[in-house]
Each structure stands twice: as C-alpha cells, then as structure tokens.
N, C-alpha and C. Protein backbone atom coordinates (compact mmCIF):
# COMPACT_ATOMS: atom_id res chain seq x y z
N MET A 1 0.86 -1.17 0.00
CA MET A 1 0.00 0.00 0.00
C MET A 1 0.91 1.23 0.00
N GLY A 2 0.67 2.10 -0.96
CA GLY A 2 1.50 3.28 -1.09
C GLY A 2 0.94 4.45 -0.30
N LEU A 3 1.70 5.52 -0.28
CA LEU A 3 1.30 6.72 0.43
C LEU A 3 0.03 7.31 -0.18
N GLY A 4 -0.10 7.25 -1.49
CA GLY A 4 -1.28 7.76 -2.18
C GLY A 4 -2.54 7.03 -1.75
N ASP A 5 -2.45 5.70 -1.63
CA ASP A 5 -3.60 4.90 -1.20
C ASP A 5 -3.99 5.26 0.24
N LEU A 6 -3.00 5.46 1.08
CA LEU A 6 -3.26 5.82 2.47
C LEU A 6 -3.95 7.17 2.57
N VAL A 7 -3.48 8.14 1.80
CA VAL A 7 -4.10 9.47 1.79
C VAL A 7 -5.53 9.37 1.27
N GLN A 8 -5.72 8.59 0.20
CA GLN A 8 -7.06 8.43 -0.37
C GLN A 8 -8.01 7.80 0.64
N LYS A 9 -7.57 6.80 1.34
CA LYS A 9 -8.41 6.16 2.36
C LYS A 9 -8.71 7.12 3.51
N ALA A 10 -7.73 7.93 3.89
CA ALA A 10 -7.95 8.91 4.95
C ALA A 10 -8.99 9.94 4.52
N VAL A 11 -8.93 10.37 3.27
CA VAL A 11 -9.92 11.33 2.75
C VAL A 11 -11.30 10.68 2.74
N TYR A 12 -11.39 9.46 2.26
CA TYR A 12 -12.69 8.76 2.24
C TYR A 12 -13.24 8.56 3.66
N LEU A 13 -12.35 8.25 4.58
CA LEU A 13 -12.76 8.09 5.98
C LEU A 13 -13.31 9.41 6.51
N GLY A 14 -12.63 10.49 6.24
CA GLY A 14 -13.09 11.81 6.69
C GLY A 14 -14.45 12.16 6.10
N ILE A 15 -14.63 11.89 4.82
CA ILE A 15 -15.91 12.16 4.16
C ILE A 15 -17.00 11.28 4.76
N GLY A 16 -16.69 10.03 5.02
CA GLY A 16 -17.67 9.12 5.61
C GLY A 16 -18.08 9.55 7.01
N VAL A 17 -17.10 9.97 7.81
CA VAL A 17 -17.40 10.42 9.17
C VAL A 17 -18.25 11.69 9.13
N ALA A 18 -17.92 12.61 8.25
CA ALA A 18 -18.69 13.85 8.13
C ALA A 18 -20.12 13.54 7.68
N SER A 19 -20.26 12.63 6.74
CA SER A 19 -21.60 12.25 6.26
C SER A 19 -22.41 11.61 7.38
N TYR A 20 -21.79 10.70 8.12
CA TYR A 20 -22.47 10.03 9.22
C TYR A 20 -22.88 11.03 10.30
N ALA A 21 -21.98 11.96 10.63
CA ALA A 21 -22.29 12.98 11.63
C ALA A 21 -23.45 13.85 11.17
N GLY A 22 -23.48 14.19 9.89
CA GLY A 22 -24.59 14.98 9.35
C GLY A 22 -25.92 14.24 9.44
N GLU A 23 -25.90 12.95 9.12
CA GLU A 23 -27.12 12.15 9.21
C GLU A 23 -27.61 12.06 10.65
N LYS A 24 -26.70 11.85 11.58
CA LYS A 24 -27.07 11.75 12.99
C LYS A 24 -27.62 13.08 13.50
N ALA A 25 -26.98 14.18 13.10
CA ALA A 25 -27.45 15.50 13.54
C ALA A 25 -28.86 15.76 13.01
N THR A 26 -29.10 15.40 11.76
CA THR A 26 -30.43 15.59 11.17
C THR A 26 -31.46 14.73 11.90
N GLU A 27 -31.07 13.52 12.22
CA GLU A 27 -31.97 12.60 12.95
C GLU A 27 -32.30 13.15 14.33
N LYS A 28 -31.29 13.61 15.06
CA LYS A 28 -31.50 14.15 16.41
C LYS A 28 -32.32 15.43 16.36
N LEU A 29 -32.09 16.25 15.34
CA LEU A 29 -32.85 17.48 15.20
C LEU A 29 -34.33 17.17 14.95
N GLY A 30 -34.59 16.13 14.17
CA GLY A 30 -35.97 15.71 13.93
C GLY A 30 -36.63 15.23 15.21
N GLU A 31 -35.88 14.47 16.01
CA GLU A 31 -36.41 14.00 17.29
C GLU A 31 -36.70 15.18 18.22
N LEU A 32 -35.79 16.13 18.25
CA LEU A 32 -35.97 17.32 19.09
C LEU A 32 -37.22 18.08 18.66
N ARG A 33 -37.38 18.29 17.36
CA ARG A 33 -38.55 19.01 16.85
C ARG A 33 -39.83 18.28 17.26
N SER A 34 -39.82 16.97 17.16
CA SER A 34 -41.00 16.19 17.52
C SER A 34 -41.33 16.34 19.01
N GLN A 35 -40.32 16.26 19.86
CA GLN A 35 -40.54 16.38 21.30
C GLN A 35 -41.00 17.79 21.68
N VAL A 36 -40.39 18.80 21.08
CA VAL A 36 -40.78 20.17 21.39
C VAL A 36 -42.19 20.43 20.88
N GLN A 37 -42.53 19.89 19.70
CA GLN A 37 -43.87 20.08 19.16
C GLN A 37 -44.91 19.41 20.07
N GLN A 38 -44.58 18.25 20.59
CA GLN A 38 -45.49 17.55 21.49
C GLN A 38 -45.69 18.37 22.77
N LEU A 39 -44.62 18.92 23.32
CA LEU A 39 -44.72 19.76 24.51
C LEU A 39 -45.57 21.00 24.22
N ALA A 40 -45.34 21.63 23.08
CA ALA A 40 -46.10 22.82 22.72
C ALA A 40 -47.57 22.48 22.54
N ASP A 41 -47.87 21.34 21.92
CA ASP A 41 -49.26 20.92 21.74
C ASP A 41 -49.96 20.72 23.09
N GLU A 42 -49.23 20.13 24.03
CA GLU A 42 -49.80 19.94 25.37
C GLU A 42 -50.08 21.27 26.05
N MET A 43 -49.17 22.22 25.88
CA MET A 43 -49.36 23.54 26.50
C MET A 43 -50.52 24.29 25.86
N VAL A 44 -50.70 24.13 24.55
CA VAL A 44 -51.84 24.75 23.87
C VAL A 44 -53.13 24.11 24.36
N GLU A 45 -53.10 22.79 24.50
CA GLU A 45 -54.28 22.06 24.97
C GLU A 45 -54.70 22.50 26.37
N ARG A 46 -53.70 22.79 27.22
CA ARG A 46 -53.99 23.24 28.59
C ARG A 46 -54.29 24.73 28.65
N GLY A 47 -54.15 25.42 27.53
CA GLY A 47 -54.45 26.85 27.49
C GLY A 47 -53.32 27.72 28.01
N GLU A 48 -52.11 27.17 28.09
CA GLU A 48 -50.98 27.93 28.61
C GLU A 48 -50.35 28.82 27.54
N MET A 49 -50.64 28.52 26.26
CA MET A 49 -50.15 29.36 25.17
C MET A 49 -51.04 29.19 23.96
N THR A 50 -50.98 30.16 23.07
CA THR A 50 -51.79 30.08 21.85
C THR A 50 -51.05 29.24 20.82
N SER A 51 -51.74 28.89 19.77
CA SER A 51 -51.11 28.08 18.73
C SER A 51 -50.01 28.87 18.02
N GLU A 52 -50.18 30.18 17.89
CA GLU A 52 -49.14 31.01 17.28
C GLU A 52 -47.90 31.05 18.17
N GLU A 53 -48.09 31.18 19.48
CA GLU A 53 -46.96 31.17 20.42
C GLU A 53 -46.28 29.80 20.39
N ALA A 54 -47.05 28.74 20.26
CA ALA A 54 -46.49 27.39 20.22
C ALA A 54 -45.62 27.23 18.97
N ARG A 55 -46.08 27.74 17.83
CA ARG A 55 -45.31 27.64 16.59
C ARG A 55 -43.98 28.38 16.74
N ARG A 56 -44.03 29.60 17.30
CA ARG A 56 -42.81 30.37 17.50
C ARG A 56 -41.88 29.68 18.50
N PHE A 57 -42.47 29.08 19.54
CA PHE A 57 -41.69 28.35 20.55
C PHE A 57 -40.92 27.19 19.91
N VAL A 58 -41.61 26.41 19.08
CA VAL A 58 -40.97 25.27 18.42
C VAL A 58 -39.87 25.77 17.49
N ASP A 59 -40.16 26.80 16.70
CA ASP A 59 -39.15 27.34 15.78
C ASP A 59 -37.93 27.87 16.53
N ASP A 60 -38.17 28.58 17.62
CA ASP A 60 -37.06 29.12 18.41
C ASP A 60 -36.20 28.01 18.99
N MET A 61 -36.84 26.98 19.52
CA MET A 61 -36.08 25.88 20.13
C MET A 61 -35.24 25.15 19.09
N VAL A 62 -35.81 24.91 17.91
CA VAL A 62 -35.06 24.22 16.86
C VAL A 62 -33.91 25.10 16.37
N ASN A 63 -34.17 26.40 16.22
CA ASN A 63 -33.10 27.31 15.79
C ASN A 63 -31.97 27.36 16.81
N LYS A 64 -32.33 27.37 18.09
CA LYS A 64 -31.29 27.37 19.14
C LYS A 64 -30.49 26.08 19.10
N ALA A 65 -31.15 24.97 18.81
CA ALA A 65 -30.45 23.69 18.76
C ALA A 65 -29.49 23.64 17.57
N GLN A 66 -29.82 24.35 16.49
CA GLN A 66 -28.98 24.33 15.30
C GLN A 66 -27.76 25.24 15.44
N GLN A 67 -27.85 26.24 16.32
CA GLN A 67 -26.73 27.17 16.48
C GLN A 67 -25.61 26.51 17.27
N PRO A 68 -24.37 26.73 16.85
CA PRO A 68 -23.26 26.16 17.63
C PRO A 68 -23.18 26.84 18.98
N SER A 69 -22.91 26.04 19.98
CA SER A 69 -22.83 26.61 21.33
C SER A 69 -21.47 27.24 21.52
N VAL A 70 -21.50 28.43 22.07
CA VAL A 70 -20.27 29.17 22.37
C VAL A 70 -20.20 29.31 23.87
N GLU A 71 -19.20 28.69 24.46
CA GLU A 71 -19.06 28.73 25.90
C GLU A 71 -18.09 29.85 26.29
N SER A 72 -18.49 30.60 27.28
CA SER A 72 -17.59 31.63 27.79
C SER A 72 -16.60 30.97 28.73
N PRO A 73 -15.43 31.57 28.91
CA PRO A 73 -14.43 30.97 29.80
C PRO A 73 -14.94 30.75 31.21
N SER A 74 -15.82 31.63 31.68
CA SER A 74 -16.31 31.48 33.05
C SER A 74 -17.27 30.32 33.18
N SER A 75 -17.92 29.90 32.07
CA SER A 75 -18.89 28.82 32.18
C SER A 75 -18.23 27.45 32.30
N THR A 76 -16.93 27.35 31.99
CA THR A 76 -16.25 26.07 32.11
C THR A 76 -15.81 25.78 33.54
N GLN A 77 -15.80 26.82 34.39
CA GLN A 77 -15.41 26.61 35.77
C GLN A 77 -16.61 26.11 36.55
N PRO A 78 -16.42 25.08 37.37
CA PRO A 78 -17.56 24.58 38.15
C PRO A 78 -18.03 25.62 39.15
N THR A 79 -19.32 25.74 39.25
CA THR A 79 -19.88 26.68 40.22
C THR A 79 -20.72 25.90 41.22
N GLU A 80 -20.81 26.45 42.39
CA GLU A 80 -21.60 25.81 43.43
C GLU A 80 -23.07 26.10 43.18
N PRO A 81 -23.92 25.09 43.32
CA PRO A 81 -25.34 25.33 43.09
C PRO A 81 -25.92 26.28 44.13
N ARG A 82 -26.96 26.99 43.71
CA ARG A 82 -27.63 27.90 44.64
C ARG A 82 -28.34 27.08 45.71
N ARG A 83 -28.35 27.57 46.90
CA ARG A 83 -29.05 26.91 47.98
C ARG A 83 -30.49 27.39 47.99
N ILE A 84 -31.40 26.46 48.10
CA ILE A 84 -32.82 26.77 48.17
C ILE A 84 -33.36 26.17 49.46
N GLU A 85 -34.01 26.98 50.24
CA GLU A 85 -34.56 26.51 51.49
C GLU A 85 -36.07 26.41 51.34
N ILE A 86 -36.60 25.24 51.61
CA ILE A 86 -38.04 25.03 51.55
C ILE A 86 -38.55 24.95 52.97
N ILE A 87 -39.47 25.82 53.29
CA ILE A 87 -40.02 25.90 54.64
C ILE A 87 -41.40 25.27 54.61
N THR A 88 -41.61 24.34 55.53
CA THR A 88 -42.91 23.70 55.60
C THR A 88 -43.85 24.56 56.43
N ASP A 89 -45.11 24.19 56.47
CA ASP A 89 -46.09 24.95 57.23
C ASP A 89 -45.82 24.91 58.73
N ASP A 90 -45.08 23.90 59.19
CA ASP A 90 -44.77 23.77 60.61
C ASP A 90 -43.77 24.81 61.07
N GLU A 91 -42.90 25.26 60.17
CA GLU A 91 -41.83 26.17 60.53
C GLU A 91 -42.22 27.61 60.22
N GLU A 92 -41.68 28.50 61.00
CA GLU A 92 -41.90 29.93 60.75
C GLU A 92 -40.75 30.46 59.91
N PRO A 93 -41.01 31.15 58.83
CA PRO A 93 -39.93 31.71 58.03
C PRO A 93 -39.28 32.89 58.75
N VAL A 94 -38.03 33.15 58.41
CA VAL A 94 -37.30 34.25 59.02
C VAL A 94 -37.95 35.57 58.61
N GLN A 95 -38.20 35.75 57.33
CA GLN A 95 -38.89 36.93 56.84
C GLN A 95 -40.04 36.44 55.97
N LYS A 96 -41.20 36.98 56.19
CA LYS A 96 -42.34 36.52 55.42
C LYS A 96 -43.05 37.70 54.79
N ALA A 97 -43.08 37.68 53.48
CA ALA A 97 -43.86 38.68 52.78
C ALA A 97 -45.31 38.24 52.87
N PRO A 98 -46.25 39.14 52.93
CA PRO A 98 -47.64 38.78 53.19
C PRO A 98 -48.22 37.76 52.22
N THR A 99 -48.09 37.96 50.92
CA THR A 99 -48.73 37.03 50.00
C THR A 99 -47.76 36.39 49.04
N ASP A 100 -46.60 36.97 48.84
CA ASP A 100 -45.66 36.43 47.87
C ASP A 100 -45.23 35.01 48.22
N VAL A 101 -44.94 34.76 49.47
CA VAL A 101 -44.48 33.45 49.89
C VAL A 101 -45.58 32.40 49.68
N ASP A 102 -46.78 32.76 50.05
CA ASP A 102 -47.89 31.82 49.88
C ASP A 102 -48.13 31.52 48.41
N GLN A 103 -48.04 32.53 47.57
CA GLN A 103 -48.21 32.30 46.13
C GLN A 103 -47.11 31.41 45.58
N MET A 104 -45.88 31.65 46.03
CA MET A 104 -44.76 30.84 45.56
C MET A 104 -44.90 29.40 46.02
N ARG A 105 -45.34 29.21 47.25
CA ARG A 105 -45.56 27.84 47.74
C ARG A 105 -46.61 27.12 46.90
N GLN A 106 -47.68 27.84 46.60
CA GLN A 106 -48.74 27.26 45.79
C GLN A 106 -48.22 26.91 44.39
N GLN A 107 -47.39 27.78 43.82
CA GLN A 107 -46.82 27.50 42.51
C GLN A 107 -45.92 26.27 42.56
N VAL A 108 -45.12 26.15 43.61
CA VAL A 108 -44.25 24.98 43.75
C VAL A 108 -45.09 23.71 43.87
N MET A 109 -46.14 23.76 44.67
CA MET A 109 -46.99 22.58 44.83
C MET A 109 -47.67 22.24 43.50
N ASP A 110 -48.13 23.25 42.76
CA ASP A 110 -48.75 23.01 41.46
C ASP A 110 -47.76 22.39 40.48
N LEU A 111 -46.53 22.89 40.49
CA LEU A 111 -45.51 22.35 39.60
C LEU A 111 -45.15 20.91 39.98
N GLN A 112 -45.12 20.63 41.28
CA GLN A 112 -44.84 19.26 41.71
C GLN A 112 -45.94 18.32 41.25
N GLU A 113 -47.18 18.75 41.35
CA GLU A 113 -48.30 17.92 40.90
C GLU A 113 -48.24 17.71 39.39
N GLU A 114 -47.91 18.77 38.66
CA GLU A 114 -47.79 18.68 37.21
C GLU A 114 -46.68 17.72 36.82
N LEU A 115 -45.54 17.78 37.53
CA LEU A 115 -44.43 16.88 37.27
C LEU A 115 -44.85 15.43 37.53
N LYS A 116 -45.55 15.19 38.62
CA LYS A 116 -46.03 13.84 38.91
C LYS A 116 -46.95 13.34 37.81
N ARG A 117 -47.85 14.22 37.33
CA ARG A 117 -48.78 13.84 36.29
C ARG A 117 -48.04 13.53 34.99
N LEU A 118 -47.05 14.33 34.65
CA LEU A 118 -46.28 14.09 33.44
C LEU A 118 -45.50 12.79 33.51
N ARG A 119 -44.97 12.50 34.68
CA ARG A 119 -44.23 11.23 34.85
C ARG A 119 -45.15 10.04 34.70
N ARG A 120 -46.39 10.16 35.19
CA ARG A 120 -47.35 9.06 35.04
C ARG A 120 -47.76 8.90 33.59
N ASP A 121 -47.97 10.01 32.90
CA ASP A 121 -48.45 9.97 31.52
C ASP A 121 -47.37 9.55 30.54
N ASN A 122 -46.10 9.85 30.83
CA ASN A 122 -44.99 9.54 29.94
C ASN A 122 -43.97 8.68 30.67
N PRO A 123 -44.21 7.37 30.74
CA PRO A 123 -43.28 6.51 31.49
C PRO A 123 -41.92 6.43 30.87
C-alpha cells in the first residue's frame, strides 16, 4: 500500500465520518422538533399558550439547537449550586412577605403535581 492509497483512504474516511455525523445530527434534530412540538401541543391544549406562540416556541427551540454553542471561559469553571430553602407549614420563616411566599408555595406545589402527572403519563 502506497502513500497515495493511504491518503485516499484517509480522505474517504473523513468524508464518511462527516456524512455520518450529518445524518445523525439531522436525525436528532428531527427527534428534538417532535418532542418540542409535542410539549407545545400539550401547552396549547392546557391553554398555557396560543397556537401562534407554540409555533414560535418550536421554531425558536429548533433554531437554538442548530446554532453552535459558544461557551464563555467562566462557564467552564464549576460553580456551586444555589441553595434553596423550603419551609414547611410547621416552621416559621425568618422573613415573610404577606402574599408572595404563599403564592410561591402554591406555585411549587402546582408544579410538583404537574411533574407527577407528566411522569405518570410519559413513562
């Protein structure tokens, strides 16, 4: 096998890998569009957004997925997660806003119920 054959095989390998990567990217993008469309349809069905907003949402998500990700130098450094304190009804909060805390608790409980329902519906 000569040097020319080796170079030719390397070029063919590169073309094959690029073609395979393109096919996989197209396949994954199709899957993403399908999943986002399903989520948008569910949100329209529940009245959380209009069909026009759902269409824009799907288009935006697919466009974001197609854009190459650019990481800033600071994003590569590990950061400590934010601490979140959940106070039950038994405990008294240190500072309590009159209605904001109660509304936030209700939103958290609603989101937890929604998450449970989604997990049941989509095993």
